[in-house]
């Protein structure tokens, strides 16, 4: 059974940091593009960051650029999202995903075939 499991979410004060992890099991995703999305209450799911299969190409939404960093460890079948300078507007459920589009990170959720269950990130002001 293929699973993506996120961890590392929690409650943090504005200006703080969190590091999310997404561990995959059931198959290897070393040749897959990986991404992070988030969904705040009452809002649509939005792209946050993406990384290609080698880790050499990354892409970020304008809202997190310069604050968040996506990375991956293919040996561990894991992708990470380092989130710094967190703000209350970053509060959301964060989801990791995997896509067969491996060469360039995709910003479209419909191009990701596998999804985790999500982890809550809450930033207090």
C-alpha atoms as a PDB file:
ATOM      1  CA  UNK A   1       0.000   0.000   0.000  1.00  0.00           C
ATOM      2  CA  UNK A   2       1.389   3.361  -1.043  1.00  0.00           C
ATOM      3  CA  UNK A   3       1.402   5.955   1.687  1.00  0.00           C
ATOM      4  CA  UNK A   4       2.656   9.489   2.129  1.00  0.00           C
ATOM      5  CA  UNK A   5       2.773  10.495   5.780  1.00  0.00           C
ATOM      6  CA  UNK A   6       3.373  14.071   6.855  1.00  0.00           C
ATOM      7  CA  UNK A   7       4.766  15.065  10.224  1.00  0.00           C
ATOM      8  CA  UNK A   8       6.174  18.116  11.958  1.00  0.00           C
ATOM      9  CA  UNK A   9       3.121  20.330  12.066  1.00  0.00           C
ATOM     10  CA  UNK A  10       2.027  22.137  15.190  1.00  0.00           C
ATOM     11  CA  UNK A  11       1.437  25.468  16.873  1.00  0.00           C
ATOM     12  CA  UNK A  12       4.055  28.182  16.587  1.00  0.00           C
ATOM     13  CA  UNK A  13       4.202  31.903  17.245  1.00  0.00           C
ATOM     14  CA  UNK A  14       4.554  34.381  14.414  1.00  0.00           C
ATOM     15  CA  UNK A  15       8.177  34.638  13.339  1.00  0.00           C
ATOM     16  CA  UNK A  16       8.884  31.071  14.347  1.00  0.00           C
ATOM     17  CA  UNK A  17       9.895  28.050  12.303  1.00  0.00           C
ATOM     18  CA  UNK A  18       8.701  24.529  11.622  1.00  0.00           C
ATOM     19  CA  UNK A  19      10.063  21.715   9.517  1.00  0.00           C
ATOM     20  CA  UNK A  20       7.600  19.401   7.846  1.00  0.00           C
ATOM     21  CA  UNK A  21       8.558  15.938   6.671  1.00  0.00           C
ATOM     22  CA  UNK A  22       6.763  13.633   4.277  1.00  0.00           C
ATOM     23  CA  UNK A  23       7.845  10.014   4.346  1.00  0.00           C
ATOM     24  CA  UNK A  24       6.755   7.659   1.594  1.00  0.00           C
ATOM     25  CA  UNK A  25       6.231   3.946   1.861  1.00  0.00           C
ATOM     26  CA  UNK A  26       4.959   1.199  -0.389  1.00  0.00           C
ATOM     27  CA  UNK A  27       7.022   2.329  -3.376  1.00  0.00           C
ATOM     28  CA  UNK A  28       9.977   4.496  -4.169  1.00  0.00           C
ATOM     29  CA  UNK A  29       9.330   8.059  -5.274  1.00  0.00           C
ATOM     30  CA  UNK A  30      12.908   8.901  -6.177  1.00  0.00           C
ATOM     31  CA  UNK A  31      11.899   9.496  -9.821  1.00  0.00           C
ATOM     32  CA  UNK A  32       8.799  11.504  -8.958  1.00  0.00           C
ATOM     33  CA  UNK A  33       8.335  15.208  -8.627  1.00  0.00           C
ATOM     34  CA  UNK A  34       7.246  16.159  -5.124  1.00  0.00           C
ATOM     35  CA  UNK A  35       5.230  19.046  -3.851  1.00  0.00           C
ATOM     36  CA  UNK A  36       3.654  20.715  -0.870  1.00  0.00           C
ATOM     37  CA  UNK A  37       0.195  22.252  -0.920  1.00  0.00           C
ATOM     38  CA  UNK A  38      -1.885  23.831   1.801  1.00  0.00           C
ATOM     39  CA  UNK A  39      -5.520  24.525   2.504  1.00  0.00           C
ATOM     40  CA  UNK A  40      -6.781  27.110   4.954  1.00  0.00           C
ATOM     41  CA  UNK A  41     -10.337  27.025   6.330  1.00  0.00           C
ATOM     42  CA  UNK A  42     -12.816  28.241   3.764  1.00  0.00           C
ATOM     43  CA  UNK A  43     -10.189  28.462   1.040  1.00  0.00           C
ATOM     44  CA  UNK A  44      -9.144  26.311  -1.872  1.00  0.00           C
ATOM     45  CA  UNK A  45      -6.050  24.177  -1.753  1.00  0.00           C
ATOM     46  CA  UNK A  46      -3.039  26.101  -3.031  1.00  0.00           C
ATOM     47  CA  UNK A  47       0.432  25.243  -4.222  1.00  0.00           C
ATOM     48  CA  UNK A  48       3.262  26.035  -1.821  1.00  0.00           C
ATOM     49  CA  UNK A  49       6.460  24.478  -3.167  1.00  0.00           C
ATOM     50  CA  UNK A  50       7.655  21.850  -5.610  1.00  0.00           C
ATOM     51  CA  UNK A  51      10.874  19.978  -6.331  1.00  0.00           C
ATOM     52  CA  UNK A  52      11.945  17.830  -9.257  1.00  0.00           C
ATOM     53  CA  UNK A  53      13.258  14.293  -8.943  1.00  0.00           C
ATOM     54  CA  UNK A  54      16.924  15.249  -8.629  1.00  0.00           C
ATOM     55  CA  UNK A  55      16.299  18.093  -6.213  1.00  0.00           C
ATOM     56  CA  UNK A  56      18.025  20.446  -8.612  1.00  0.00           C
ATOM     57  CA  UNK A  57      14.910  22.397  -9.546  1.00  0.00           C
ATOM     58  CA  UNK A  58      12.563  23.998  -7.066  1.00  0.00           C
ATOM     59  CA  UNK A  59       9.622  26.352  -7.338  1.00  0.00           C
ATOM     60  CA  UNK A  60       7.706  28.380  -4.769  1.00  0.00           C
ATOM     61  CA  UNK A  61       4.540  30.353  -4.575  1.00  0.00           C
ATOM     62  CA  UNK A  62       5.094  34.086  -4.239  1.00  0.00           C
ATOM     63  CA  UNK A  63       3.603  34.035  -0.756  1.00  0.00           C
ATOM     64  CA  UNK A  64       6.335  31.767   0.655  1.00  0.00           C
ATOM     65  CA  UNK A  65       9.315  32.559  -1.555  1.00  0.00           C
ATOM     66  CA  UNK A  66      12.320  33.475   0.544  1.00  0.00           C
ATOM     67  CA  UNK A  67      10.802  31.993   3.722  1.00  0.00           C
ATOM     68  CA  UNK A  68      10.200  28.333   2.872  1.00  0.00           C
ATOM     69  CA  UNK A  69      12.637  25.783   1.480  1.00  0.00           C
ATOM     70  CA  UNK A  70      11.721  22.447  -0.061  1.00  0.00           C
ATOM     71  CA  UNK A  71      14.271  19.637  -0.172  1.00  0.00           C
ATOM     72  CA  UNK A  72      14.342  15.891  -0.607  1.00  0.00           C
ATOM     73  CA  UNK A  73      16.355  12.860   0.414  1.00  0.00           C
ATOM     74  CA  UNK A  74      15.751  10.131  -2.144  1.00  0.00           C
ATOM     75  CA  UNK A  75      17.642   7.587  -0.066  1.00  0.00           C
ATOM     76  CA  UNK A  76      15.030   8.094   2.654  1.00  0.00           C
ATOM     77  CA  UNK A  77      12.118   8.489   0.220  1.00  0.00           C
ATOM     78  CA  UNK A  78      11.332  11.712   2.080  1.00  0.00           C
ATOM     79  CA  UNK A  79      10.653  15.330   1.190  1.00  0.00           C
ATOM     80  CA  UNK A  80      10.922  18.249   3.591  1.00  0.00           C
ATOM     81  CA  UNK A  81       9.548  21.750   3.911  1.00  0.00           C
ATOM     82  CA  UNK A  82      11.519  24.131   6.099  1.00  0.00           C
ATOM     83  CA  UNK A  83       9.275  27.026   7.039  1.00  0.00           C
ATOM     84  CA  UNK A  84      10.820  30.149   8.531  1.00  0.00           C
ATOM     85  CA  UNK A  85       9.372  33.531   9.492  1.00  0.00           C
ATOM     86  CA  UNK A  86       5.939  31.992   9.790  1.00  0.00           C
ATOM     87  CA  UNK A  87       2.957  34.315   9.765  1.00  0.00           C
ATOM     88  CA  UNK A  88      -0.674  33.813  10.814  1.00  0.00           C
ATOM     89  CA  UNK A  89      -1.675  33.662   7.150  1.00  0.00           C
ATOM     90  CA  UNK A  90       0.438  30.507   6.829  1.00  0.00           C
ATOM     91  CA  UNK A  91      -2.053  28.700   9.061  1.00  0.00           C
ATOM     92  CA  UNK A  92      -3.449  25.765   7.102  1.00  0.00           C
ATOM     93  CA  UNK A  93      -3.409  22.025   6.676  1.00  0.00           C
ATOM     94  CA  UNK A  94      -0.281  21.160   4.719  1.00  0.00           C
ATOM     95  CA  UNK A  95      -0.278  18.259   2.284  1.00  0.00           C
ATOM     96  CA  UNK A  96       2.588  16.570   0.520  1.00  0.00           C
ATOM     97  CA  UNK A  97       2.138  14.992  -2.873  1.00  0.00           C
ATOM     98  CA  UNK A  98       3.989  13.032  -5.534  1.00  0.00           C
ATOM     99  CA  UNK A  99       3.767  13.426  -9.299  1.00  0.00           C
ATOM    100  CA  UNK A 100       4.982  11.386 -12.246  1.00  0.00           C
ATOM    101  CA  UNK A 101       6.043  14.716 -13.753  1.00  0.00           C
ATOM    102  CA  UNK A 102       9.594  14.407 -12.557  1.00  0.00           C
ATOM    103  CA  UNK A 103      11.645  16.941 -14.507  1.00  0.00           C
ATOM    104  CA  UNK A 104      10.004  20.180 -13.423  1.00  0.00           C
ATOM    105  CA  UNK A 105       7.965  20.870 -10.292  1.00  0.00           C
ATOM    106  CA  UNK A 106       4.266  21.195 -11.015  1.00  0.00           C
ATOM    107  CA  UNK A 107       2.089  23.872  -9.437  1.00  0.00           C
ATOM    108  CA  UNK A 108      -1.168  22.117 -10.342  1.00  0.00           C
ATOM    109  CA  UNK A 109      -2.677  19.726  -7.827  1.00  0.00           C
ATOM    110  CA  UNK A 110      -4.291  17.667 -10.620  1.00  0.00           C
ATOM    111  CA  UNK A 111      -0.817  16.662 -11.793  1.00  0.00           C
ATOM    112  CA  UNK A 112      -0.077  14.891  -8.507  1.00  0.00           C
ATOM    113  CA  UNK A 113      -1.215  11.283  -8.183  1.00  0.00           C
ATOM    114  CA  UNK A 114      -0.389  10.541  -4.562  1.00  0.00           C
ATOM    115  CA  UNK A 115      -1.312  12.572  -1.488  1.00  0.00           C
ATOM    116  CA  UNK A 116      -0.688  12.498   2.223  1.00  0.00           C
ATOM    117  CA  UNK A 117      -3.378  12.954   4.843  1.00  0.00           C
ATOM    118  CA  UNK A 118      -2.178  16.402   5.846  1.00  0.00           C
ATOM    119  CA  UNK A 119      -0.647  17.998   8.920  1.00  0.00           C
ATOM    120  CA  UNK A 120      -1.985  21.084  10.684  1.00  0.00           C
ATOM    121  CA  UNK A 121       0.167  24.174  10.979  1.00  0.00           C
ATOM    122  CA  UNK A 122      -1.156  26.951  13.192  1.00  0.00           C
ATOM    123  CA  UNK A 123       0.647  30.266  13.559  1.00  0.00           C
ATOM    124  CA  UNK A 124      -0.461  32.533  16.379  1.00  0.00           C
ATOM    125  CA  UNK A 125      -0.039  36.291  16.277  1.00  0.00           C
END
